[in-house]
Amino acid sequence: MTGRRRWSTEEILDTAAELLRTSDAESFSVRKLAAALGTDSSSLYRHFRNKTELMRAVADRILLAAMDGYRPEGDWKQRVTTMALHLREAFGEQPQLAVIWGRYGSGGNGSRLVMEEVLQALRTSGLPDQEIPVRYHRIVILLAALISSEAGVSTITPKEYEQGMEQFRVAVLGADPERFPALAYFARDVRPLGADRRAAFEEILAAQLAHIEAQIV
């Protein structure tokens, strides 16, 4: 009798990433992944102890891909900004995985590369060593929040987008000026969450880096 095929870790991650492109973390399961591979769940647990570990490994491959095309140039702020834009672009191509990264994090070599680059950049900033870990943490939390939030917007269907825009217009343009005077005043200029996402991303990150720079004596 022919034995069941043994899948490599990379093949498992490839299939998991493909499933996650068309679903989300809630509906994804190790059982579904095993079915797609034509095997049983127990065989996958030889590679990953649980679903969370698997999710982190999938997200880590996006970090690896982003860092593969990154080259550190410029001062510390330029390095962090360029790296952040690489991460945003990489996850923008696979937004479901961005949501997973924001929720589960990552612990592989991709994560190590991101950590190393942010820490190295901060060491050249002039910050005292004792302040660098907390500043690193703030930067990465900000990036994960911005990238996963943007991914959540980009994964909605065209129908859901149109429904959301209609609700936005009703909520803003139909606001009672007596109860919501500021909203009524700025109604024509307020933009929906999906507008100018890259500009907002860069501006928010720049503000955080400027805040760090202000702490340097």
C-alpha atoms as a PDB file:
ATOM      1  CA  MET A   1       0.000   0.000   0.000  1.00  0.00           C
ATOM      2  CA  THR A   2       1.346   3.410  -0.939  1.00  0.00           C
ATOM      3  CA  GLY A   3       1.946   5.717   2.008  1.00  0.00           C
ATOM      4  CA  ARG A   4       0.325   9.128   2.261  1.00  0.00           C
ATOM      5  CA  ARG A   5       2.414  11.930   0.835  1.00  0.00           C
ATOM      6  CA  ARG A   6       4.431  13.967   3.295  1.00  0.00           C
ATOM      7  CA  TRP A   7       4.167  17.677   2.704  1.00  0.00           C
ATOM      8  CA  SER A   8       7.076  20.021   3.358  1.00  0.00           C
ATOM      9  CA  THR A   9       6.731  23.028   5.626  1.00  0.00           C
ATOM     10  CA  GLU A  10       6.981  25.364   2.628  1.00  0.00           C
ATOM     11  CA  GLU A  11       4.242  23.501   0.750  1.00  0.00           C
ATOM     12  CA  ILE A  12       1.994  23.713   3.787  1.00  0.00           C
ATOM     13  CA  LEU A  13       2.618  27.452   4.096  1.00  0.00           C
ATOM     14  CA  ASP A  14       2.000  27.969   0.377  1.00  0.00           C
ATOM     15  CA  THR A  15      -1.388  26.288   0.634  1.00  0.00           C
ATOM     16  CA  ALA A  16      -2.268  28.098   3.852  1.00  0.00           C
ATOM     17  CA  ALA A  17      -1.431  31.461   2.264  1.00  0.00           C
ATOM     18  CA  GLU A  18      -3.597  30.633  -0.741  1.00  0.00           C
ATOM     19  CA  LEU A  19      -6.546  29.690   1.473  1.00  0.00           C
ATOM     20  CA  LEU A  20      -6.137  32.868   3.492  1.00  0.00           C
ATOM     21  CA  ARG A  21      -6.271  34.997   0.345  1.00  0.00           C
ATOM     22  CA  THR A  22      -9.901  33.981  -0.104  1.00  0.00           C
ATOM     23  CA  SER A  23     -10.976  33.678   3.522  1.00  0.00           C
ATOM     24  CA  ASP A  24     -10.121  35.131   6.915  1.00  0.00           C
ATOM     25  CA  ALA A  25      -8.561  34.042  10.175  1.00  0.00           C
ATOM     26  CA  GLU A  26     -11.923  33.140  11.729  1.00  0.00           C
ATOM     27  CA  SER A  27     -13.037  30.781   8.969  1.00  0.00           C
ATOM     28  CA  PHE A  28      -9.563  29.340   8.383  1.00  0.00           C
ATOM     29  CA  SER A  29      -8.789  26.102  10.216  1.00  0.00           C
ATOM     30  CA  VAL A  30      -6.103  23.441  10.286  1.00  0.00           C
ATOM     31  CA  ARG A  31      -8.777  20.962   9.255  1.00  0.00           C
ATOM     32  CA  LYS A  32      -9.576  22.965   6.102  1.00  0.00           C
ATOM     33  CA  LEU A  33      -5.896  23.240   5.326  1.00  0.00           C
ATOM     34  CA  ALA A  34      -5.440  19.500   5.753  1.00  0.00           C
ATOM     35  CA  ALA A  35      -8.396  18.847   3.430  1.00  0.00           C
ATOM     36  CA  ALA A  36      -6.888  21.111   0.770  1.00  0.00           C
ATOM     37  CA  LEU A  37      -3.644  19.153   1.011  1.00  0.00           C
ATOM     38  CA  GLY A  38      -5.422  15.816   0.970  1.00  0.00           C
ATOM     39  CA  THR A  39      -4.124  14.788   4.372  1.00  0.00           C
ATOM     40  CA  ASP A  40      -5.275  14.828   7.990  1.00  0.00           C
ATOM     41  CA  SER A  41      -4.759  17.462  10.669  1.00  0.00           C
ATOM     42  CA  SER A  42      -2.437  15.292  12.729  1.00  0.00           C
ATOM     43  CA  SER A  43       0.172  15.306   9.959  1.00  0.00           C
ATOM     44  CA  LEU A  44       0.252  19.122   9.999  1.00  0.00           C
ATOM     45  CA  TYR A  45       0.786  19.248  13.734  1.00  0.00           C
ATOM     46  CA  ARG A  46       4.180  17.672  13.147  1.00  0.00           C
ATOM     47  CA  HIS A  47       5.157  21.004  11.555  1.00  0.00           C
ATOM     48  CA  PHE A  48       3.128  23.470  13.670  1.00  0.00           C
ATOM     49  CA  ARG A  49       1.911  22.978  17.208  1.00  0.00           C
ATOM     50  CA  ASN A  50      -1.328  24.903  16.687  1.00  0.00           C
ATOM     51  CA  LYS A  51      -3.221  27.276  14.397  1.00  0.00           C
ATOM     52  CA  THR A  52      -1.653  30.391  15.905  1.00  0.00           C
ATOM     53  CA  GLU A  53       1.871  29.147  15.242  1.00  0.00           C
ATOM     54  CA  LEU A  54       0.890  28.380  11.654  1.00  0.00           C
ATOM     55  CA  MET A  55      -0.639  31.839  11.205  1.00  0.00           C
ATOM     56  CA  ARG A  56       2.514  33.496  12.488  1.00  0.00           C
ATOM     57  CA  ALA A  57       4.633  31.489  10.070  1.00  0.00           C
ATOM     58  CA  VAL A  58       2.459  32.550   7.122  1.00  0.00           C
ATOM     59  CA  ALA A  59       2.677  36.224   8.116  1.00  0.00           C
ATOM     60  CA  ASP A  60       6.422  35.910   8.621  1.00  0.00           C
ATOM     61  CA  ARG A  61       6.895  34.955   4.978  1.00  0.00           C
ATOM     62  CA  ILE A  62       5.426  38.324   3.970  1.00  0.00           C
ATOM     63  CA  LEU A  63       7.923  40.059   6.226  1.00  0.00           C
ATOM     64  CA  LEU A  64      10.721  38.046   4.624  1.00  0.00           C
ATOM     65  CA  ALA A  65       9.554  39.037   1.139  1.00  0.00           C
ATOM     66  CA  ALA A  66       9.332  42.700   2.120  1.00  0.00           C
ATOM     67  CA  MET A  67      12.780  42.760   3.679  1.00  0.00           C
ATOM     68  CA  ASP A  68      14.298  40.916   0.729  1.00  0.00           C
ATOM     69  CA  GLY A  69      13.702  43.991  -1.434  1.00  0.00           C
ATOM     70  CA  TYR A  70      14.747  46.492   1.224  1.00  0.00           C
ATOM     71  CA  ARG A  71      18.133  48.218   1.311  1.00  0.00           C
ATOM     72  CA  PRO A  72      18.988  50.623   4.170  1.00  0.00           C
ATOM     73  CA  GLU A  73      19.779  54.098   2.884  1.00  0.00           C
ATOM     74  CA  GLY A  74      19.742  57.586   4.339  1.00  0.00           C
ATOM     75  CA  ASP A  75      19.452  58.644   7.956  1.00  0.00           C
ATOM     76  CA  TRP A  76      17.590  56.679  10.623  1.00  0.00           C
ATOM     77  CA  LYS A  77      14.215  58.246   9.826  1.00  0.00           C
ATOM     78  CA  GLN A  78      14.575  57.510   6.115  1.00  0.00           C
ATOM     79  CA  ARG A  79      15.540  53.923   6.891  1.00  0.00           C
ATOM     80  CA  VAL A  80      12.504  53.325   9.081  1.00  0.00           C
ATOM     81  CA  THR A  81      10.172  55.055   6.616  1.00  0.00           C
ATOM     82  CA  THR A  82      11.475  53.127   3.610  1.00  0.00           C
ATOM     83  CA  MET A  83      11.236  49.842   5.478  1.00  0.00           C
ATOM     84  CA  ALA A  84       7.705  50.678   6.610  1.00  0.00           C
ATOM     85  CA  LEU A  85       6.625  51.396   3.037  1.00  0.00           C
ATOM     86  CA  HIS A  86       8.095  48.056   1.940  1.00  0.00           C
ATOM     87  CA  LEU A  87       6.012  46.316   4.588  1.00  0.00           C
ATOM     88  CA  ARG A  88       2.903  48.240   3.589  1.00  0.00           C
ATOM     89  CA  GLU A  89       3.354  47.328  -0.069  1.00  0.00           C
ATOM     90  CA  ALA A  90       4.038  43.655   0.643  1.00  0.00           C
ATOM     91  CA  PHE A  91       1.001  43.245   2.859  1.00  0.00           C
ATOM     92  CA  GLY A  92      -1.087  45.371   0.498  1.00  0.00           C
ATOM     93  CA  GLU A  93      -0.755  42.596  -2.071  1.00  0.00           C
ATOM     94  CA  GLN A  94      -2.078  40.072   0.455  1.00  0.00           C
ATOM     95  CA  PRO A  95      -4.302  42.085   2.825  1.00  0.00           C
ATOM     96  CA  GLN A  96      -5.775  39.058   4.595  1.00  0.00           C
ATOM     97  CA  LEU A  97      -2.287  38.218   5.802  1.00  0.00           C
ATOM     98  CA  ALA A  98      -1.801  41.797   7.037  1.00  0.00           C
ATOM     99  CA  VAL A  99      -4.772  41.357   9.338  1.00  0.00           C
ATOM    100  CA  ILE A 100      -3.239  38.116  10.596  1.00  0.00           C
ATOM    101  CA  TRP A 101       0.107  39.843  11.250  1.00  0.00           C
ATOM    102  CA  GLY A 102      -1.633  42.592  13.194  1.00  0.00           C
ATOM    103  CA  ARG A 103      -3.469  40.017  15.284  1.00  0.00           C
ATOM    104  CA  TYR A 104      -0.986  37.189  15.738  1.00  0.00           C
ATOM    105  CA  GLY A 105       2.374  38.841  15.136  1.00  0.00           C
ATOM    106  CA  SER A 106       5.322  36.824  13.881  1.00  0.00           C
ATOM    107  CA  GLY A 107       8.358  35.149  15.343  1.00  0.00           C
ATOM    108  CA  GLY A 108      10.478  33.922  12.445  1.00  0.00           C
ATOM    109  CA  ASN A 109      13.374  35.323  10.464  1.00  0.00           C
ATOM    110  CA  GLY A 110      11.171  37.920   8.771  1.00  0.00           C
ATOM    111  CA  SER A 111      10.263  39.317  12.165  1.00  0.00           C
ATOM    112  CA  ARG A 112      13.919  39.230  13.219  1.00  0.00           C
ATOM    113  CA  LEU A 113      14.936  41.196  10.130  1.00  0.00           C
ATOM    114  CA  VAL A 114      12.348  43.894  10.849  1.00  0.00           C
ATOM    115  CA  MET A 115      13.372  44.084  14.496  1.00  0.00           C
ATOM    116  CA  GLU A 116      17.060  44.229  13.607  1.00  0.00           C
ATOM    117  CA  GLU A 117      16.599  47.041  11.097  1.00  0.00           C
ATOM    118  CA  VAL A 118      14.465  49.221  13.363  1.00  0.00           C
ATOM    119  CA  LEU A 119      16.854  48.718  16.272  1.00  0.00           C
ATOM    120  CA  GLN A 120      19.900  49.401  14.095  1.00  0.00           C
ATOM    121  CA  ALA A 121      18.304  52.569  12.716  1.00  0.00           C
ATOM    122  CA  LEU A 122      17.430  53.790  16.204  1.00  0.00           C
ATOM    123  CA  ARG A 123      20.998  53.162  17.389  1.00  0.00           C
ATOM    124  CA  THR A 124      22.208  55.680  14.805  1.00  0.00           C
ATOM    125  CA  SER A 125      19.619  58.261  15.881  1.00  0.00           C
ATOM    126  CA  GLY A 126      21.458  59.406  18.985  1.00  0.00           C
ATOM    127  CA  LEU A 127      18.947  57.958  21.450  1.00  0.00           C
ATOM    128  CA  PRO A 128      20.440  56.511  24.626  1.00  0.00           C
ATOM    129  CA  ASP A 129      20.527  52.705  24.486  1.00  0.00           C
ATOM    130  CA  GLN A 130      18.113  52.372  27.392  1.00  0.00           C
ATOM    131  CA  GLU A 131      15.406  54.237  25.455  1.00  0.00           C
ATOM    132  CA  ILE A 132      15.711  52.300  22.195  1.00  0.00           C
ATOM    133  CA  PRO A 133      13.654  49.190  23.093  1.00  0.00           C
ATOM    134  CA  VAL A 134      10.557  51.169  24.062  1.00  0.00           C
ATOM    135  CA  ARG A 135      10.849  53.407  20.977  1.00  0.00           C
ATOM    136  CA  TYR A 136      11.214  50.307  18.825  1.00  0.00           C
ATOM    137  CA  HIS A 137       8.057  48.888  20.383  1.00  0.00           C
ATOM    138  CA  ARG A 138       6.063  52.039  19.666  1.00  0.00           C
ATOM    139  CA  ILE A 139       7.147  52.075  16.013  1.00  0.00           C
ATOM    140  CA  VAL A 140       6.278  48.429  15.380  1.00  0.00           C
ATOM    141  CA  ILE A 141       2.917  48.687  17.164  1.00  0.00           C
ATOM    142  CA  LEU A 142       2.103  51.717  15.016  1.00  0.00           C
ATOM    143  CA  LEU A 143       3.101  49.952  11.782  1.00  0.00           C
ATOM    144  CA  ALA A 144       1.131  46.808  12.614  1.00  0.00           C
ATOM    145  CA  ALA A 145      -1.937  48.871  13.498  1.00  0.00           C
ATOM    146  CA  LEU A 146      -1.783  51.038  10.374  1.00  0.00           C
ATOM    147  CA  ILE A 147      -1.056  48.176   7.970  1.00  0.00           C
ATOM    148  CA  SER A 148      -3.664  45.794   9.380  1.00  0.00           C
ATOM    149  CA  SER A 149      -6.262  48.575   9.541  1.00  0.00           C
ATOM    150  CA  GLU A 150      -5.637  49.486   5.923  1.00  0.00           C
ATOM    151  CA  ALA A 151      -5.833  45.826   4.951  1.00  0.00           C
ATOM    152  CA  GLY A 152      -9.226  45.549   6.618  1.00  0.00           C
ATOM    153  CA  VAL A 153     -10.537  48.318   4.390  1.00  0.00           C
ATOM    154  CA  SER A 154      -9.059  46.814   1.222  1.00  0.00           C
ATOM    155  CA  THR A 155     -10.597  43.360   1.735  1.00  0.00           C
ATOM    156  CA  ILE A 156     -14.208  44.489   1.480  1.00  0.00           C
ATOM    157  CA  THR A 157     -16.130  43.685  -1.693  1.00  0.00           C
ATOM    158  CA  PRO A 158     -17.176  46.390  -4.212  1.00  0.00           C
ATOM    159  CA  LYS A 159     -20.764  46.000  -3.030  1.00  0.00           C
ATOM    160  CA  GLU A 160     -19.742  46.413   0.599  1.00  0.00           C
ATOM    161  CA  TYR A 161     -17.650  49.459  -0.368  1.00  0.00           C
ATOM    162  CA  GLU A 162     -20.594  51.152  -2.102  1.00  0.00           C
ATOM    163  CA  GLN A 163     -22.859  50.405   0.836  1.00  0.00           C
ATOM    164  CA  GLY A 164     -20.268  51.850   3.186  1.00  0.00           C
ATOM    165  CA  MET A 165     -19.867  54.990   1.085  1.00  0.00           C
ATOM    166  CA  GLU A 166     -23.617  55.515   1.034  1.00  0.00           C
ATOM    167  CA  GLN A 167     -23.794  55.138   4.802  1.00  0.00           C
ATOM    168  CA  PHE A 168     -20.865  57.543   5.139  1.00  0.00           C
ATOM    169  CA  ARG A 169     -22.600  60.164   3.007  1.00  0.00           C
ATOM    170  CA  VAL A 170     -25.838  59.815   4.960  1.00  0.00           C
ATOM    171  CA  ALA A 171     -24.021  59.976   8.305  1.00  0.00           C
ATOM    172  CA  VAL A 172     -21.962  63.031   7.352  1.00  0.00           C
ATOM    173  CA  LEU A 173     -24.123  65.084   5.031  1.00  0.00           C
ATOM    174  CA  GLY A 174     -27.273  64.246   6.939  1.00  0.00           C
ATOM    175  CA  ALA A 175     -25.928  65.223  10.357  1.00  0.00           C
ATOM    176  CA  ASP A 176     -28.193  67.466  12.422  1.00  0.00           C
ATOM    177  CA  PRO A 177     -26.276  70.780  12.687  1.00  0.00           C
ATOM    178  CA  GLU A 178     -27.748  71.490  16.113  1.00  0.00           C
ATOM    179  CA  ARG A 179     -26.596  68.203  17.594  1.00  0.00           C
ATOM    180  CA  PHE A 180     -23.416  67.823  15.509  1.00  0.00           C
ATOM    181  CA  PRO A 181     -22.359  71.399  14.665  1.00  0.00           C
ATOM    182  CA  ALA A 182     -18.709  70.648  13.913  1.00  0.00           C
ATOM    183  CA  LEU A 183     -19.584  67.668  11.704  1.00  0.00           C
ATOM    184  CA  ALA A 184     -22.139  69.702   9.799  1.00  0.00           C
ATOM    185  CA  TYR A 185     -19.623  72.516   9.336  1.00  0.00           C
ATOM    186  CA  PHE A 186     -16.877  70.246   7.940  1.00  0.00           C
ATOM    187  CA  ALA A 187     -19.191  67.784   6.180  1.00  0.00           C
ATOM    188  CA  ARG A 188     -18.109  68.693   2.644  1.00  0.00           C
ATOM    189  CA  ASP A 189     -14.428  68.234   3.475  1.00  0.00           C
ATOM    190  CA  VAL A 190     -14.432  65.149   5.717  1.00  0.00           C
ATOM    191  CA  ARG A 191     -12.982  62.133   3.884  1.00  0.00           C
ATOM    192  CA  PRO A 192     -13.918  58.471   4.355  1.00  0.00           C
ATOM    193  CA  LEU A 193     -11.426  56.114   5.993  1.00  0.00           C
ATOM    194  CA  GLY A 194     -10.388  54.620   2.662  1.00  0.00           C
ATOM    195  CA  ALA A 195      -9.217  57.932   1.173  1.00  0.00           C
ATOM    196  CA  ASP A 196      -5.542  58.972   0.929  1.00  0.00           C
ATOM    197  CA  ARG A 197      -4.334  55.958   2.891  1.00  0.00           C
ATOM    198  CA  ARG A 198      -0.685  56.210   1.823  1.00  0.00           C
ATOM    199  CA  ALA A 199      -0.508  59.920   2.633  1.00  0.00           C
ATOM    200  CA  ALA A 200      -2.072  59.281   6.034  1.00  0.00           C
ATOM    201  CA  PHE A 201       0.316  56.369   6.644  1.00  0.00           C
ATOM    202  CA  GLU A 202       3.384  58.490   5.883  1.00  0.00           C
ATOM    203  CA  GLU A 203       2.154  61.478   7.873  1.00  0.00           C
ATOM    204  CA  ILE A 204       1.336  59.442  10.994  1.00  0.00           C
ATOM    205  CA  LEU A 205       4.660  57.616  10.847  1.00  0.00           C
ATOM    206  CA  ALA A 206       6.541  60.892  10.297  1.00  0.00           C
ATOM    207  CA  ALA A 207       4.851  62.367  13.367  1.00  0.00           C
ATOM    208  CA  GLN A 208       5.978  59.411  15.475  1.00  0.00           C
ATOM    209  CA  LEU A 209       9.549  59.677  14.210  1.00  0.00           C
ATOM    210  CA  ALA A 210       9.561  63.423  14.821  1.00  0.00           C
ATOM    211  CA  HIS A 211       8.388  62.769  18.375  1.00  0.00           C
ATOM    212  CA  ILE A 212      11.307  60.368  18.875  1.00  0.00           C
ATOM    213  CA  GLU A 213      13.736  62.895  17.365  1.00  0.00           C
ATOM    214  CA  ALA A 214      12.535  65.537  19.814  1.00  0.00           C
ATOM    215  CA  GLN A 215      13.636  63.307  22.691  1.00  0.00           C
ATOM    216  CA  ILE A 216      17.226  63.197  21.462  1.00  0.00           C
ATOM    217  CA  VAL A 217      19.453  65.549  23.447  1.00  0.00           C
END
